[in-house]
N, C-alpha and C. Protein backbone atom coordinates (compact mmCIF):
# COMPACT_ATOMS: atom_id res chain seq x y z
N MET A 1 0.82 -1.20 0.00
CA MET A 1 0.00 0.00 0.00
C MET A 1 0.86 1.26 0.00
N GLU A 2 1.97 1.22 0.76
CA GLU A 2 2.88 2.36 0.80
C GLU A 2 3.47 2.66 -0.58
N THR A 3 3.78 1.59 -1.31
CA THR A 3 4.35 1.76 -2.64
C THR A 3 3.34 2.43 -3.57
N LEU A 4 2.08 2.07 -3.45
CA LEU A 4 1.05 2.68 -4.28
C LEU A 4 0.95 4.18 -3.98
N PHE A 5 0.94 4.55 -2.69
CA PHE A 5 0.89 5.97 -2.33
C PHE A 5 2.12 6.71 -2.81
N PHE A 6 3.29 6.05 -2.75
CA PHE A 6 4.51 6.67 -3.26
C PHE A 6 4.38 6.99 -4.74
N TYR A 7 3.90 6.04 -5.53
CA TYR A 7 3.76 6.27 -6.96
C TYR A 7 2.72 7.34 -7.27
N ILE A 8 1.63 7.35 -6.51
CA ILE A 8 0.60 8.37 -6.74
C ILE A 8 1.15 9.76 -6.40
N LEU A 9 1.76 9.90 -5.22
CA LEU A 9 2.30 11.20 -4.81
C LEU A 9 3.46 11.63 -5.71
N GLY A 10 4.29 10.68 -6.11
CA GLY A 10 5.40 11.00 -7.02
C GLY A 10 4.90 11.48 -8.37
N THR A 11 3.85 10.83 -8.88
CA THR A 11 3.27 11.24 -10.16
C THR A 11 2.65 12.62 -10.07
N VAL A 12 1.93 12.87 -8.97
CA VAL A 12 1.33 14.20 -8.78
C VAL A 12 2.41 15.27 -8.68
N ALA A 13 3.46 14.99 -7.91
CA ALA A 13 4.55 15.96 -7.76
C ALA A 13 5.24 16.23 -9.09
N LEU A 14 5.49 15.18 -9.86
CA LEU A 14 6.15 15.34 -11.15
C LEU A 14 5.26 16.10 -12.14
N ALA A 15 3.97 15.75 -12.19
CA ALA A 15 3.05 16.44 -13.10
C ALA A 15 2.91 17.91 -12.72
N ALA A 16 2.84 18.19 -11.43
CA ALA A 16 2.72 19.59 -10.99
C ALA A 16 4.00 20.36 -11.28
N ALA A 17 5.15 19.71 -11.12
CA ALA A 17 6.42 20.39 -11.42
C ALA A 17 6.51 20.72 -12.92
N ILE A 18 6.06 19.81 -13.75
CA ILE A 18 6.03 20.09 -15.20
C ILE A 18 5.05 21.22 -15.47
N GLY A 19 3.92 21.23 -14.74
CA GLY A 19 2.93 22.30 -14.90
C GLY A 19 3.49 23.66 -14.53
N VAL A 20 4.37 23.71 -13.53
CA VAL A 20 5.00 24.98 -13.14
C VAL A 20 5.72 25.58 -14.35
N LEU A 21 6.39 24.75 -15.11
CA LEU A 21 7.14 25.23 -16.28
C LEU A 21 6.26 25.40 -17.50
N ALA A 22 5.21 24.60 -17.63
CA ALA A 22 4.42 24.58 -18.86
C ALA A 22 3.35 25.67 -18.93
N PHE A 23 2.78 26.04 -17.78
CA PHE A 23 1.71 27.03 -17.81
C PHE A 23 2.24 28.38 -18.24
N ARG A 24 1.45 29.08 -19.04
CA ARG A 24 1.87 30.40 -19.51
C ARG A 24 1.54 31.50 -18.50
N ARG A 25 0.49 31.32 -17.75
CA ARG A 25 0.12 32.33 -16.74
C ARG A 25 0.81 32.03 -15.43
N VAL A 26 1.36 33.07 -14.83
CA VAL A 26 2.12 32.94 -13.60
C VAL A 26 1.25 32.44 -12.45
N PHE A 27 0.00 32.80 -12.42
CA PHE A 27 -0.92 32.37 -11.37
C PHE A 27 -1.07 30.86 -11.38
N TYR A 28 -1.28 30.27 -12.55
CA TYR A 28 -1.46 28.83 -12.66
C TYR A 28 -0.16 28.09 -12.32
N SER A 29 0.97 28.68 -12.66
CA SER A 29 2.26 28.09 -12.29
C SER A 29 2.41 28.07 -10.77
N ALA A 30 2.00 29.13 -10.11
CA ALA A 30 2.09 29.19 -8.65
C ALA A 30 1.18 28.16 -8.00
N VAL A 31 -0.01 27.97 -8.55
CA VAL A 31 -0.92 26.95 -8.01
C VAL A 31 -0.34 25.56 -8.23
N ALA A 32 0.27 25.32 -9.39
CA ALA A 32 0.91 24.03 -9.64
C ALA A 32 2.07 23.80 -8.67
N LEU A 33 2.79 24.85 -8.32
CA LEU A 33 3.88 24.72 -7.36
C LEU A 33 3.35 24.36 -5.97
N ILE A 34 2.23 24.92 -5.58
CA ILE A 34 1.60 24.56 -4.30
C ILE A 34 1.24 23.08 -4.30
N ILE A 35 0.67 22.60 -5.40
CA ILE A 35 0.32 21.18 -5.50
C ILE A 35 1.56 20.30 -5.41
N CYS A 36 2.63 20.71 -6.08
CA CYS A 36 3.88 19.95 -6.04
C CYS A 36 4.44 19.90 -4.62
N LEU A 37 4.47 21.03 -3.95
CA LEU A 37 5.01 21.07 -2.58
C LEU A 37 4.16 20.26 -1.62
N THR A 38 2.86 20.24 -1.83
CA THR A 38 1.98 19.44 -0.98
C THR A 38 2.21 17.95 -1.21
N ALA A 39 2.41 17.56 -2.47
CA ALA A 39 2.71 16.16 -2.76
C ALA A 39 4.05 15.74 -2.14
N VAL A 40 5.03 16.62 -2.14
CA VAL A 40 6.31 16.33 -1.50
C VAL A 40 6.11 16.15 0.01
N ALA A 41 5.23 16.95 0.60
CA ALA A 41 4.93 16.77 2.03
C ALA A 41 4.32 15.39 2.27
N GLY A 42 3.49 14.93 1.37
CA GLY A 42 2.95 13.57 1.48
C GLY A 42 4.05 12.52 1.41
N LEU A 43 5.04 12.75 0.56
CA LEU A 43 6.18 11.82 0.49
C LEU A 43 6.96 11.81 1.80
N TYR A 44 7.10 12.98 2.44
CA TYR A 44 7.75 13.03 3.74
C TYR A 44 6.97 12.20 4.77
N LEU A 45 5.65 12.26 4.71
CA LEU A 45 4.84 11.45 5.63
C LEU A 45 5.08 9.97 5.40
N LEU A 46 5.23 9.57 4.15
CA LEU A 46 5.52 8.17 3.86
C LEU A 46 6.87 7.74 4.42
N LEU A 47 7.79 8.68 4.56
CA LEU A 47 9.11 8.39 5.11
C LEU A 47 9.14 8.50 6.64
N ASN A 48 7.97 8.61 7.26
CA ASN A 48 7.85 8.77 8.71
C ASN A 48 8.60 9.99 9.22
N ALA A 49 8.46 11.10 8.51
CA ALA A 49 9.06 12.36 8.91
C ALA A 49 7.95 13.41 9.04
N PRO A 50 7.12 13.31 10.10
CA PRO A 50 5.98 14.24 10.21
C PRO A 50 6.40 15.69 10.40
N PHE A 51 7.53 15.91 11.07
CA PHE A 51 7.97 17.29 11.25
C PHE A 51 8.33 17.92 9.91
N MET A 52 9.07 17.20 9.07
CA MET A 52 9.42 17.72 7.75
C MET A 52 8.18 17.94 6.89
N ALA A 53 7.20 17.07 7.01
CA ALA A 53 5.95 17.24 6.26
C ALA A 53 5.22 18.50 6.73
N ALA A 54 5.18 18.70 8.04
CA ALA A 54 4.52 19.89 8.58
C ALA A 54 5.25 21.16 8.15
N VAL A 55 6.58 21.14 8.21
CA VAL A 55 7.36 22.30 7.78
C VAL A 55 7.14 22.56 6.29
N GLN A 56 7.10 21.50 5.50
CA GLN A 56 6.87 21.63 4.05
C GLN A 56 5.53 22.32 3.79
N ILE A 57 4.50 21.93 4.50
CA ILE A 57 3.18 22.53 4.30
C ILE A 57 3.15 23.96 4.84
N ILE A 58 3.59 24.14 6.08
CA ILE A 58 3.48 25.46 6.71
C ILE A 58 4.38 26.48 6.05
N VAL A 59 5.64 26.14 5.86
CA VAL A 59 6.60 27.12 5.36
C VAL A 59 6.50 27.30 3.86
N TYR A 60 6.57 26.21 3.11
CA TYR A 60 6.62 26.35 1.65
C TYR A 60 5.25 26.47 1.03
N ALA A 61 4.43 25.44 1.15
CA ALA A 61 3.11 25.47 0.52
C ALA A 61 2.22 26.51 1.16
N GLY A 62 2.41 26.78 2.43
CA GLY A 62 1.59 27.76 3.12
C GLY A 62 2.09 29.17 2.97
N ALA A 63 3.09 29.49 3.74
CA ALA A 63 3.53 30.89 3.85
C ALA A 63 4.12 31.46 2.57
N ILE A 64 5.12 30.81 2.03
CA ILE A 64 5.81 31.39 0.87
C ILE A 64 4.89 31.45 -0.34
N MET A 65 4.14 30.40 -0.60
CA MET A 65 3.27 30.42 -1.77
C MET A 65 2.10 31.40 -1.60
N VAL A 66 1.60 31.53 -0.38
CA VAL A 66 0.56 32.53 -0.16
C VAL A 66 1.13 33.92 -0.45
N LEU A 67 2.36 34.17 -0.04
CA LEU A 67 2.97 35.46 -0.33
C LEU A 67 3.18 35.65 -1.83
N PHE A 68 3.62 34.59 -2.52
CA PHE A 68 3.76 34.68 -3.98
C PHE A 68 2.42 35.01 -4.62
N LEU A 69 1.38 34.29 -4.23
CA LEU A 69 0.07 34.54 -4.82
C LEU A 69 -0.44 35.93 -4.45
N PHE A 70 -0.14 36.37 -3.22
CA PHE A 70 -0.53 37.71 -2.81
C PHE A 70 0.12 38.76 -3.70
N VAL A 71 1.41 38.61 -3.94
CA VAL A 71 2.13 39.57 -4.79
C VAL A 71 1.64 39.48 -6.23
N ILE A 72 1.41 38.28 -6.72
CA ILE A 72 0.92 38.11 -8.09
C ILE A 72 -0.43 38.80 -8.25
N MET A 73 -1.34 38.57 -7.32
CA MET A 73 -2.67 39.17 -7.44
C MET A 73 -2.62 40.68 -7.20
N LEU A 74 -1.70 41.15 -6.35
CA LEU A 74 -1.58 42.58 -6.12
C LEU A 74 -1.06 43.30 -7.35
N LEU A 75 -0.16 42.65 -8.07
CA LEU A 75 0.37 43.25 -9.29
C LEU A 75 -0.60 43.10 -10.45
N ASP A 76 -1.62 42.29 -10.30
CA ASP A 76 -2.72 42.15 -11.26
C ASP A 76 -2.22 41.81 -12.67
N PRO A 77 -1.71 40.60 -12.87
CA PRO A 77 -1.20 40.24 -14.19
C PRO A 77 -2.29 40.02 -15.22
N PHE A 78 -3.56 39.92 -14.80
CA PHE A 78 -4.64 39.68 -15.73
C PHE A 78 -5.14 40.96 -16.38
N SER A 79 -4.72 42.10 -15.85
CA SER A 79 -5.15 43.39 -16.39
C SER A 79 -4.16 43.86 -17.43
N GLY A 80 -4.64 44.45 -18.49
CA GLY A 80 -3.76 44.94 -19.55
C GLY A 80 -3.10 46.25 -19.22
N ALA A 81 -3.75 47.09 -18.48
CA ALA A 81 -3.20 48.41 -18.16
C ALA A 81 -3.17 48.61 -16.65
N ILE A 82 -2.25 49.42 -16.20
CA ILE A 82 -2.15 49.76 -14.78
C ILE A 82 -2.97 51.02 -14.55
N HIS A 83 -3.88 50.94 -13.61
CA HIS A 83 -4.74 52.08 -13.29
C HIS A 83 -4.15 52.81 -12.10
N PRO A 84 -3.68 54.04 -12.28
CA PRO A 84 -3.02 54.74 -11.17
C PRO A 84 -3.96 55.07 -10.01
N ASP A 85 -5.25 55.25 -10.27
CA ASP A 85 -6.15 55.63 -9.18
C ASP A 85 -6.87 54.41 -8.60
N LYS A 86 -6.32 53.24 -8.83
CA LYS A 86 -6.94 52.00 -8.38
C LYS A 86 -7.00 51.92 -6.86
N LEU A 87 -5.99 52.45 -6.19
CA LEU A 87 -5.91 52.34 -4.74
C LEU A 87 -6.22 53.66 -4.04
N ARG A 88 -6.86 54.57 -4.72
CA ARG A 88 -7.12 55.89 -4.14
C ARG A 88 -7.94 55.80 -2.85
N GLY A 89 -8.96 54.97 -2.83
CA GLY A 89 -9.79 54.84 -1.63
C GLY A 89 -9.04 54.22 -0.45
N LEU A 90 -8.04 53.40 -0.76
CA LEU A 90 -7.28 52.76 0.31
C LEU A 90 -6.34 53.73 1.02
N ARG A 91 -6.07 54.86 0.44
CA ARG A 91 -5.19 55.84 1.09
C ARG A 91 -5.84 56.42 2.34
N VAL A 92 -7.15 56.39 2.39
CA VAL A 92 -7.86 56.86 3.59
C VAL A 92 -8.18 55.68 4.50
N ILE A 93 -8.66 54.59 3.91
CA ILE A 93 -9.08 53.44 4.69
C ILE A 93 -7.88 52.73 5.33
N GLY A 94 -6.75 52.64 4.63
CA GLY A 94 -5.56 51.94 5.12
C GLY A 94 -5.07 52.45 6.46
N PRO A 95 -4.78 53.75 6.58
CA PRO A 95 -4.33 54.24 7.90
C PRO A 95 -5.37 54.07 9.00
N LEU A 96 -6.66 54.23 8.66
CA LEU A 96 -7.70 54.03 9.67
C LEU A 96 -7.72 52.58 10.16
N LEU A 97 -7.60 51.62 9.24
CA LEU A 97 -7.57 50.22 9.63
C LEU A 97 -6.31 49.90 10.43
N GLY A 98 -5.19 50.53 10.08
CA GLY A 98 -3.96 50.34 10.85
C GLY A 98 -4.10 50.83 12.28
N ILE A 99 -4.69 52.00 12.46
CA ILE A 99 -4.91 52.54 13.80
C ILE A 99 -5.87 51.66 14.59
N LEU A 100 -6.95 51.20 13.96
CA LEU A 100 -7.88 50.30 14.63
C LEU A 100 -7.20 48.98 15.01
N GLY A 101 -6.32 48.48 14.15
CA GLY A 101 -5.57 47.26 14.46
C GLY A 101 -4.67 47.44 15.65
N LEU A 102 -3.98 48.57 15.72
CA LEU A 102 -3.12 48.85 16.88
C LEU A 102 -3.93 48.96 18.16
N ILE A 103 -5.08 49.61 18.07
CA ILE A 103 -5.95 49.73 19.25
C ILE A 103 -6.43 48.34 19.70
N ALA A 104 -6.74 47.47 18.74
CA ALA A 104 -7.21 46.12 19.09
C ALA A 104 -6.09 45.27 19.68
N ILE A 105 -4.87 45.46 19.22
CA ILE A 105 -3.74 44.65 19.69
C ILE A 105 -3.19 45.14 21.02
N PHE A 106 -3.37 46.40 21.34
CA PHE A 106 -2.77 46.98 22.54
C PHE A 106 -3.11 46.22 23.82
N PRO A 107 -4.38 45.83 24.07
CA PRO A 107 -4.66 45.06 25.30
C PRO A 107 -3.91 43.73 25.34
N ALA A 108 -3.77 43.07 24.20
CA ALA A 108 -3.05 41.79 24.17
C ALA A 108 -1.57 42.00 24.48
N LEU A 109 -1.00 43.09 23.97
CA LEU A 109 0.40 43.38 24.26
C LEU A 109 0.62 43.70 25.74
N ARG A 110 -0.32 44.41 26.33
CA ARG A 110 -0.19 44.74 27.76
C ARG A 110 -0.36 43.51 28.63
N ALA A 111 -1.22 42.56 28.20
CA ALA A 111 -1.47 41.36 29.00
C ALA A 111 -0.37 40.32 28.84
N TYR A 112 0.42 40.42 27.79
CA TYR A 112 1.46 39.42 27.53
C TYR A 112 2.60 39.62 28.50
N ASP A 113 2.92 38.56 29.24
CA ASP A 113 3.98 38.61 30.24
C ASP A 113 5.20 37.90 29.69
N LEU A 114 6.25 38.64 29.41
CA LEU A 114 7.45 38.05 28.84
C LEU A 114 8.12 37.08 29.81
N GLY A 115 7.91 37.25 31.10
CA GLY A 115 8.54 36.38 32.08
C GLY A 115 7.88 35.02 32.18
N MET A 116 6.65 34.86 31.68
CA MET A 116 5.96 33.58 31.83
C MET A 116 6.39 32.55 30.81
N ALA A 117 6.94 32.97 29.70
CA ALA A 117 7.29 32.02 28.64
C ALA A 117 8.65 31.40 28.92
N PRO A 118 8.76 30.08 28.77
CA PRO A 118 10.07 29.46 28.93
C PRO A 118 10.99 29.90 27.79
N ARG A 119 12.26 29.89 28.04
CA ARG A 119 13.22 30.38 27.05
C ARG A 119 13.55 29.35 25.97
N SER A 120 13.30 28.08 26.22
CA SER A 120 13.59 27.05 25.22
C SER A 120 12.65 25.87 25.42
N PRO A 121 12.45 25.06 24.37
CA PRO A 121 11.60 23.88 24.54
C PRO A 121 12.17 22.90 25.58
N GLN A 122 13.51 22.88 25.76
CA GLN A 122 14.09 21.98 26.73
C GLN A 122 13.63 22.32 28.15
N ALA A 123 13.27 23.60 28.38
CA ALA A 123 12.83 24.02 29.71
C ALA A 123 11.52 23.33 30.10
N LEU A 124 10.76 22.85 29.13
CA LEU A 124 9.49 22.19 29.44
C LEU A 124 9.69 20.75 29.88
N THR A 125 10.34 19.93 29.04
CA THR A 125 10.49 18.52 29.39
C THR A 125 11.87 17.96 29.12
N GLY A 126 12.68 18.64 28.36
CA GLY A 126 13.98 18.12 28.01
C GLY A 126 13.98 17.41 26.67
N ASP A 127 12.81 17.05 26.14
CA ASP A 127 12.70 16.34 24.86
C ASP A 127 12.38 17.34 23.76
N THR A 128 13.24 17.45 22.75
CA THR A 128 13.01 18.40 21.67
C THR A 128 12.68 17.71 20.36
N SER A 129 12.48 16.39 20.35
CA SER A 129 12.25 15.68 19.10
C SER A 129 10.78 15.57 18.73
N SER A 130 9.88 15.92 19.62
CA SER A 130 8.46 15.74 19.39
C SER A 130 7.85 16.94 18.66
N VAL A 131 7.13 16.66 17.59
CA VAL A 131 6.42 17.71 16.87
C VAL A 131 5.33 18.29 17.76
N GLU A 132 4.70 17.43 18.54
CA GLU A 132 3.65 17.88 19.45
C GLU A 132 4.20 18.87 20.48
N LEU A 133 5.38 18.59 21.01
CA LEU A 133 6.00 19.49 21.99
C LEU A 133 6.36 20.83 21.34
N LEU A 134 6.89 20.75 20.13
CA LEU A 134 7.23 21.98 19.41
C LEU A 134 6.00 22.83 19.15
N ALA A 135 4.92 22.19 18.70
CA ALA A 135 3.68 22.93 18.44
C ALA A 135 3.10 23.50 19.72
N GLU A 136 3.13 22.72 20.79
CA GLU A 136 2.60 23.21 22.06
C GLU A 136 3.39 24.41 22.57
N THR A 137 4.71 24.33 22.45
CA THR A 137 5.56 25.44 22.90
C THR A 137 5.31 26.68 22.05
N LEU A 138 5.27 26.50 20.74
CA LEU A 138 5.09 27.63 19.84
C LEU A 138 3.73 28.29 20.02
N PHE A 139 2.68 27.50 20.04
CA PHE A 139 1.34 28.07 20.04
C PHE A 139 0.77 28.36 21.42
N ASN A 140 1.39 27.86 22.48
CA ASN A 140 0.94 28.20 23.82
C ASN A 140 1.78 29.28 24.46
N HIS A 141 3.10 29.18 24.31
CA HIS A 141 3.99 30.10 25.01
C HIS A 141 4.51 31.24 24.14
N TYR A 142 4.56 31.02 22.84
CA TYR A 142 5.13 32.04 21.95
C TYR A 142 4.15 32.48 20.87
N LEU A 143 2.86 32.39 21.14
CA LEU A 143 1.86 32.73 20.13
C LEU A 143 1.91 34.20 19.73
N LEU A 144 2.00 35.08 20.69
CA LEU A 144 2.01 36.51 20.36
C LEU A 144 3.23 36.90 19.53
N PRO A 145 4.46 36.52 19.93
CA PRO A 145 5.60 36.86 19.06
C PRO A 145 5.49 36.22 17.67
N PHE A 146 4.93 35.02 17.59
CA PHE A 146 4.73 34.34 16.30
C PHE A 146 3.79 35.15 15.41
N GLU A 147 2.68 35.59 15.96
CA GLU A 147 1.70 36.37 15.19
C GLU A 147 2.23 37.75 14.84
N VAL A 148 2.93 38.40 15.76
CA VAL A 148 3.50 39.72 15.48
C VAL A 148 4.52 39.62 14.35
N THR A 149 5.31 38.56 14.34
CA THR A 149 6.28 38.36 13.27
C THR A 149 5.59 38.18 11.93
N SER A 150 4.50 37.43 11.89
CA SER A 150 3.79 37.22 10.62
C SER A 150 3.17 38.52 10.12
N VAL A 151 2.64 39.34 11.00
CA VAL A 151 2.08 40.63 10.59
C VAL A 151 3.20 41.55 10.09
N LEU A 152 4.32 41.55 10.78
CA LEU A 152 5.46 42.37 10.36
C LEU A 152 5.95 41.98 8.97
N ILE A 153 6.04 40.69 8.69
CA ILE A 153 6.47 40.23 7.36
C ILE A 153 5.44 40.64 6.31
N LEU A 154 4.16 40.51 6.62
CA LEU A 154 3.12 40.91 5.67
C LEU A 154 3.18 42.40 5.36
N VAL A 155 3.38 43.23 6.39
CA VAL A 155 3.48 44.68 6.18
C VAL A 155 4.71 45.02 5.34
N ALA A 156 5.82 44.32 5.58
CA ALA A 156 7.03 44.56 4.80
C ALA A 156 6.82 44.22 3.33
N ILE A 157 6.13 43.13 3.06
CA ILE A 157 5.88 42.74 1.67
C ILE A 157 4.96 43.75 0.99
N ILE A 158 3.93 44.18 1.68
CA ILE A 158 3.03 45.18 1.10
C ILE A 158 3.80 46.46 0.81
N GLY A 159 4.67 46.88 1.72
CA GLY A 159 5.48 48.07 1.51
C GLY A 159 6.38 47.95 0.30
N VAL A 160 7.02 46.81 0.14
CA VAL A 160 7.92 46.61 -1.00
C VAL A 160 7.14 46.64 -2.31
N VAL A 161 5.98 46.01 -2.34
CA VAL A 161 5.17 46.00 -3.57
C VAL A 161 4.69 47.40 -3.90
N VAL A 162 4.23 48.14 -2.90
CA VAL A 162 3.76 49.51 -3.14
C VAL A 162 4.91 50.39 -3.64
N LEU A 163 6.08 50.29 -3.03
CA LEU A 163 7.22 51.08 -3.47
C LEU A 163 7.66 50.68 -4.88
N ALA A 164 7.63 49.41 -5.19
CA ALA A 164 8.02 48.95 -6.52
C ALA A 164 7.02 49.44 -7.57
N LYS A 165 5.74 49.39 -7.26
CA LYS A 165 4.73 49.87 -8.21
C LYS A 165 4.87 51.38 -8.41
N ARG A 166 5.15 52.12 -7.33
CA ARG A 166 5.29 53.56 -7.43
C ARG A 166 6.49 53.90 -8.31
N GLU A 167 7.60 53.17 -8.12
CA GLU A 167 8.80 53.43 -8.93
C GLU A 167 8.53 53.08 -10.39
N LYS A 168 7.78 52.03 -10.64
CA LYS A 168 7.46 51.63 -12.02
C LYS A 168 6.55 52.67 -12.67
N GLN A 169 5.59 53.20 -11.93
CA GLN A 169 4.68 54.18 -12.47
C GLN A 169 5.36 55.51 -12.74
N ASP A 170 6.37 55.84 -11.92
CA ASP A 170 7.11 57.09 -12.14
C ASP A 170 8.05 57.01 -13.32
N GLY A 171 8.27 55.79 -13.82
CA GLY A 171 9.14 55.64 -14.98
C GLY A 171 10.60 55.48 -14.63
N HIS A 172 10.90 55.28 -13.33
CA HIS A 172 12.29 55.12 -12.92
C HIS A 172 12.74 53.68 -12.91
N GLY A 173 11.76 52.75 -12.98
CA GLY A 173 12.11 51.33 -12.96
C GLY A 173 12.64 50.86 -14.29
N HIS A 174 13.33 49.75 -14.27
CA HIS A 174 13.89 49.20 -15.49
C HIS A 174 13.14 47.99 -15.92
């Protein structure tokens, strides 16, 4: 049965990898890459490596590909022309939503006690090989720093895309 799953996942991964190169639209190539990375995570599960499978899904198929798709859709490759006033309404709504987000996060930041979190997973039990222990440590003791980091990365990506589009619209880009 394991051999059958290996051949199925291997075929899916190979077909999706070929699709990444064969598709003409960048969006479809990105979706094919997500499928390929997910199939590789399945292969890791067959090798009894659940941590590597989880990392494959969370880091590659999840975070990086979502960011790729976010940038692809933000740059709008399906549109023939760039509309300069496309984001005019967001210039008012964006700062207001940012201020509301800070107001909503402030109580959580004040309630977060830096002294309560252990400094390493070894401080909990001494065993660092368990995926369950790693997940428990990350999502119970370090949830706020984890979420703040993800928001910071998202804001940085949005800033880079906005600056790149502005430079391209001004005619200074190459």
